[in-house]
Protein backbone atom coordinates (compact mmCIF):
# COMPACT_ATOMS: atom_id res chain seq x y z
CA UNK A 1 103.17 74.58 -6.34
CA UNK A 2 99.37 73.84 -5.30
CA UNK A 3 99.67 70.69 -6.95
CA UNK A 4 102.94 69.45 -5.57
CA UNK A 5 101.80 70.91 -1.82
CA UNK A 6 98.63 68.51 -2.25
CA UNK A 7 100.82 65.48 -3.59
CA UNK A 8 102.89 66.27 -0.35
CA UNK A 9 99.96 66.11 1.91
CA UNK A 10 98.69 63.17 0.42
CA UNK A 11 101.71 61.18 0.84
CA UNK A 12 101.98 62.33 4.57
CA UNK A 13 98.11 61.20 4.78
CA UNK A 14 98.95 57.89 3.56
CA UNK A 15 101.92 57.38 5.58
CA UNK A 16 99.89 58.44 8.71
CA UNK A 17 97.11 55.67 7.48
CA UNK A 18 100.28 52.84 7.21
CA UNK A 19 101.79 53.74 10.78
CA UNK A 20 97.96 53.80 12.32
CA UNK A 21 97.68 50.13 10.64
CA UNK A 22 100.37 49.13 12.11
CA UNK A 23 99.51 50.54 15.29
CA UNK A 24 96.17 48.74 14.91
CA UNK A 25 97.86 45.58 14.02
CA UNK A 26 99.85 45.66 17.14
CA UNK A 27 97.24 46.35 19.15
CA UNK A 28 95.47 43.52 17.88
CA UNK A 29 98.18 41.13 18.56
CA UNK A 30 98.45 42.63 22.28
CA UNK A 31 94.44 42.00 22.76
CA UNK A 32 95.01 38.46 21.67
CA UNK A 33 97.85 37.60 23.58
CA UNK A 34 95.96 39.38 26.65
CA UNK A 35 92.61 37.22 26.04
CA UNK A 36 94.47 33.89 25.77
CA UNK A 37 96.65 34.71 29.45
CA UNK A 38 93.12 35.78 30.67
CA UNK A 39 91.60 32.20 29.37
CA UNK A 40 94.33 30.32 30.52
CA UNK A 41 94.41 32.23 33.90
CA UNK A 42 90.53 31.66 34.08
CA UNK A 43 91.02 27.86 33.62
CA UNK A 44 93.72 27.74 36.17
CA UNK A 45 91.51 29.30 38.58
CA UNK A 46 88.58 27.38 37.56
CA UNK A 47 90.84 24.41 38.18
CA UNK A 48 92.24 25.34 41.41
CA UNK A 49 88.71 25.76 42.60
CA UNK A 50 87.69 22.36 41.75
CA UNK A 51 90.67 21.30 43.38
CA UNK A 52 89.34 23.28 46.55
CA UNK A 53 85.86 21.93 46.42
CA UNK A 54 87.22 18.80 46.48
CA UNK A 55 89.93 19.01 48.85
CA UNK A 56 92.43 17.74 46.43
CA UNK A 57 95.88 17.10 48.56
CA UNK A 58 94.35 16.89 51.86
CA UNK A 59 94.89 14.21 54.49
CA UNK A 60 91.65 11.47 54.37
CA UNK A 61 91.04 12.13 57.73
CA UNK A 62 90.27 15.95 56.81
CA UNK A 63 88.76 15.28 53.57
CA UNK A 64 86.18 13.38 54.95
CA UNK A 65 85.12 15.76 57.80
CA UNK A 66 84.99 18.19 55.99
CA UNK A 67 82.98 16.89 53.04
CA UNK A 68 80.79 15.19 55.56
CA UNK A 69 80.20 18.79 56.97
CA UNK A 70 79.59 20.12 54.28
CA UNK A 71 76.62 17.39 53.25
CA UNK A 72 74.87 17.76 57.16
CA UNK A 73 76.27 21.19 58.05
CA UNK A 74 73.57 20.66 61.23
CA UNK A 75 75.48 17.77 62.39
CA UNK A 76 79.04 19.65 62.71
CA UNK A 77 78.19 22.79 64.29
CA UNK A 78 81.66 23.88 65.88
CA UNK A 79 83.95 22.99 63.05
CA UNK A 80 84.82 26.54 61.30
CA UNK A 81 87.02 24.79 58.40
CA UNK A 82 90.75 24.34 57.43
CA UNK A 83 93.61 26.54 58.75
CA UNK A 84 95.17 27.27 54.87
CA UNK A 85 91.72 29.08 54.22
CA UNK A 86 92.47 31.66 56.92
CA UNK A 87 96.04 32.59 55.94
CA UNK A 88 96.37 35.37 53.67
CA UNK A 89 99.68 35.15 52.21
CA UNK A 90 101.52 38.02 50.33
CA UNK A 91 102.55 37.00 46.73
CA UNK A 92 106.08 35.33 46.97
CA UNK A 93 105.85 33.85 50.63
CA UNK A 94 104.04 31.18 49.35
CA UNK A 95 106.91 28.47 49.69
CA UNK A 96 107.60 29.99 52.75
CA UNK A 97 104.02 29.47 54.39
CA UNK A 98 103.77 26.21 53.64
CA UNK A 99 107.21 25.31 55.08
CA UNK A 100 106.54 27.39 58.45
CA UNK A 101 102.97 26.01 58.98
CA UNK A 102 104.00 22.16 57.53
CA UNK A 103 101.11 19.97 58.64
CA UNK A 104 99.29 22.88 60.48
CA UNK A 105 98.11 23.99 57.31
CA UNK A 106 95.59 20.97 56.96
CA UNK A 107 94.39 21.02 60.45
CA UNK A 108 90.95 21.40 61.22
CA UNK A 109 89.94 24.96 63.31
CA UNK A 110 87.01 24.15 65.51
CA UNK A 111 85.07 26.49 68.41
CA UNK A 112 86.10 24.48 71.69
CA UNK A 113 87.62 20.67 72.21
CA UNK A 114 84.54 19.28 72.78
CA UNK A 115 83.82 19.99 68.91
CA UNK A 116 87.02 18.35 68.25
CA UNK A 117 86.23 15.60 70.35
CA UNK A 118 83.04 14.78 68.61
CA UNK A 119 84.72 15.23 65.06
CA UNK A 120 87.21 12.19 66.15
CA UNK A 121 84.70 10.10 67.40
CA UNK A 122 82.93 10.87 63.68
CA UNK A 123 86.18 9.60 62.43
CA UNK A 124 87.02 6.51 64.77
CA UNK A 125 83.30 5.32 64.13
CA UNK A 126 83.98 4.64 60.34
CA UNK A 127 87.60 4.11 60.10
CA UNK A 128 87.92 7.36 58.17
CA UNK A 129 91.10 9.02 58.67
CA UNK A 130 92.94 11.09 61.11
CA UNK A 131 93.07 14.93 61.74
CA UNK A 132 94.58 17.95 63.86
CA UNK A 133 92.33 19.95 65.43
CA UNK A 134 93.04 23.85 66.68
CA UNK A 135 90.42 24.73 68.84
CA UNK A 136 89.51 28.33 69.79
CA UNK A 137 89.09 28.25 73.36
CA UNK A 138 92.15 26.50 74.39
CA UNK A 139 94.75 28.37 72.30
CA UNK A 140 96.54 31.13 74.52
CA UNK A 141 98.95 33.89 73.25
CA UNK A 142 102.53 32.76 74.36
CA UNK A 143 104.28 34.64 77.02
CA UNK A 144 107.02 35.86 75.20
CA UNK A 145 107.40 37.72 71.78
CA UNK A 146 110.54 38.57 69.89
CA UNK A 147 110.83 41.77 68.34
CA UNK A 148 110.35 41.40 64.75
CA UNK A 149 110.72 45.05 63.74
CA UNK A 150 114.13 45.12 65.05
CA UNK A 151 115.14 42.08 63.50
CA UNK A 152 114.08 43.57 59.78
CA UNK A 153 116.83 45.92 60.02
CA UNK A 154 119.05 43.20 60.26
CA UNK A 155 120.48 41.96 56.23
CA UNK A 156 118.56 39.56 54.66
CA UNK A 157 115.52 39.45 57.68
CA UNK A 158 112.39 39.92 56.14
CA UNK A 159 110.43 39.97 59.39
CA UNK A 160 108.68 36.76 61.70
CA UNK A 161 106.24 34.94 59.70
CA UNK A 162 103.53 36.09 62.12
CA UNK A 163 104.32 39.61 60.83
CA UNK A 164 104.21 38.78 57.12
CA UNK A 165 101.16 36.34 56.78
CA UNK A 166 97.78 38.15 57.57
CA UNK A 167 95.03 36.57 59.35
CA UNK A 168 91.44 37.45 60.56
CA UNK A 169 91.57 38.85 64.19
CA UNK A 170 89.32 36.02 65.30
CA UNK A 171 92.13 33.24 64.47
CA UNK A 172 95.01 35.55 66.14
CA UNK A 173 95.96 33.15 69.22
CA UNK A 174 96.05 29.92 66.57
CA UNK A 175 98.27 32.22 64.33
CA UNK A 176 100.53 33.29 66.64
CA UNK A 177 101.14 30.34 68.67
CA UNK A 178 102.48 28.76 65.41
CA UNK A 179 104.45 31.78 63.78
CA UNK A 180 105.57 33.69 66.45
CA UNK A 181 108.82 32.35 66.77
CA UNK A 182 109.43 31.66 62.81
CA UNK A 183 111.91 33.88 61.20
CA UNK A 184 111.67 34.28 57.40
CA UNK A 185 114.93 35.60 55.26
CA UNK A 186 115.68 36.14 51.79
CA UNK A 187 118.41 33.08 51.49
CA UNK A 188 120.33 31.00 53.76
CA UNK A 189 123.51 33.02 53.83
CA UNK A 190 123.08 34.38 57.38
CA UNK A 191 121.21 31.72 58.92
CA UNK A 192 123.94 30.45 61.29
CA UNK A 193 125.04 33.86 62.48
CA UNK A 194 120.98 34.48 63.38
CA UNK A 195 120.93 31.69 65.42
CA UNK A 196 124.13 32.54 67.06
CA UNK A 197 123.00 36.43 68.22
CA UNK A 198 121.80 36.62 71.70
CA UNK A 199 118.87 38.23 71.29
CA UNK A 200 117.59 35.49 68.65
CA UNK A 201 119.01 32.09 70.67
CA UNK A 202 116.20 30.59 72.51
CA UNK A 203 113.61 33.26 70.89
CA UNK A 204 113.56 31.70 67.41
CA UNK A 205 112.57 28.14 66.89
CA UNK A 206 113.03 28.16 62.84
CA UNK A 207 114.59 30.54 60.31
CA UNK A 208 112.29 29.75 56.75
CA UNK A 209 113.68 31.39 53.79
CA UNK A 210 111.66 32.76 50.96
CA UNK A 211 112.29 29.55 48.76
CA UNK A 212 111.06 27.22 51.16
CA UNK A 213 114.11 26.23 52.97
CA UNK A 214 113.99 25.41 56.12
CA UNK A 215 116.69 25.33 59.58
CA UNK A 216 115.45 24.12 62.83
CA UNK A 217 117.24 25.72 66.01
CA UNK A 218 118.06 21.97 66.92
CA UNK A 219 120.48 22.08 63.49
CA UNK A 220 118.10 19.98 60.96
CA UNK A 221 117.75 21.65 57.85
CA UNK A 222 115.23 20.67 55.11
CA UNK A 223 114.57 21.72 51.65
CA UNK A 224 114.64 20.92 47.94
């Protein structure tokens, strides 16, 4: 009986060892997969950082101005940066932000209008391209705000772009001017009905879906 008991115990231990060996292999496989994903993400992040540093995708004027500022910051005081760098976008809203802000994503934020004028002279002097400037001192809050919280109660409405896209308080007037009258929705199902609502008509200039489709108050539609 004692021998049989030992045989049973030995078989049980061997079974446990086999099971643990399989689990260990699974863990090793998951670790390898995780490492591959991490390496891929790290490589993509490095690429994006290189693109950002080189201002890939920016218009000629903006790219030349920011690169010149990086080389000689003392000659370009008052230039704060590109608006895209100051937007804090929740995951899943990237396409909506790109459409809501449009070309303003590449606009250059400056302390005041005199800094913008000086930068324009720099660009014109050497034919380095054009740029749009957003002076902090000459941007004011809009006189009317739509009630974004109330609109979120409507089917498919996620809120105003202003309420969904974060930013530093320093740039509040700029983001407010650009986004307070843009509505973000899940899809295009109720767009026509939203524009027809008395509490929205005239207050919203644009409705943008999460996928990036744009519907203007004047009836224009863009997407793809």
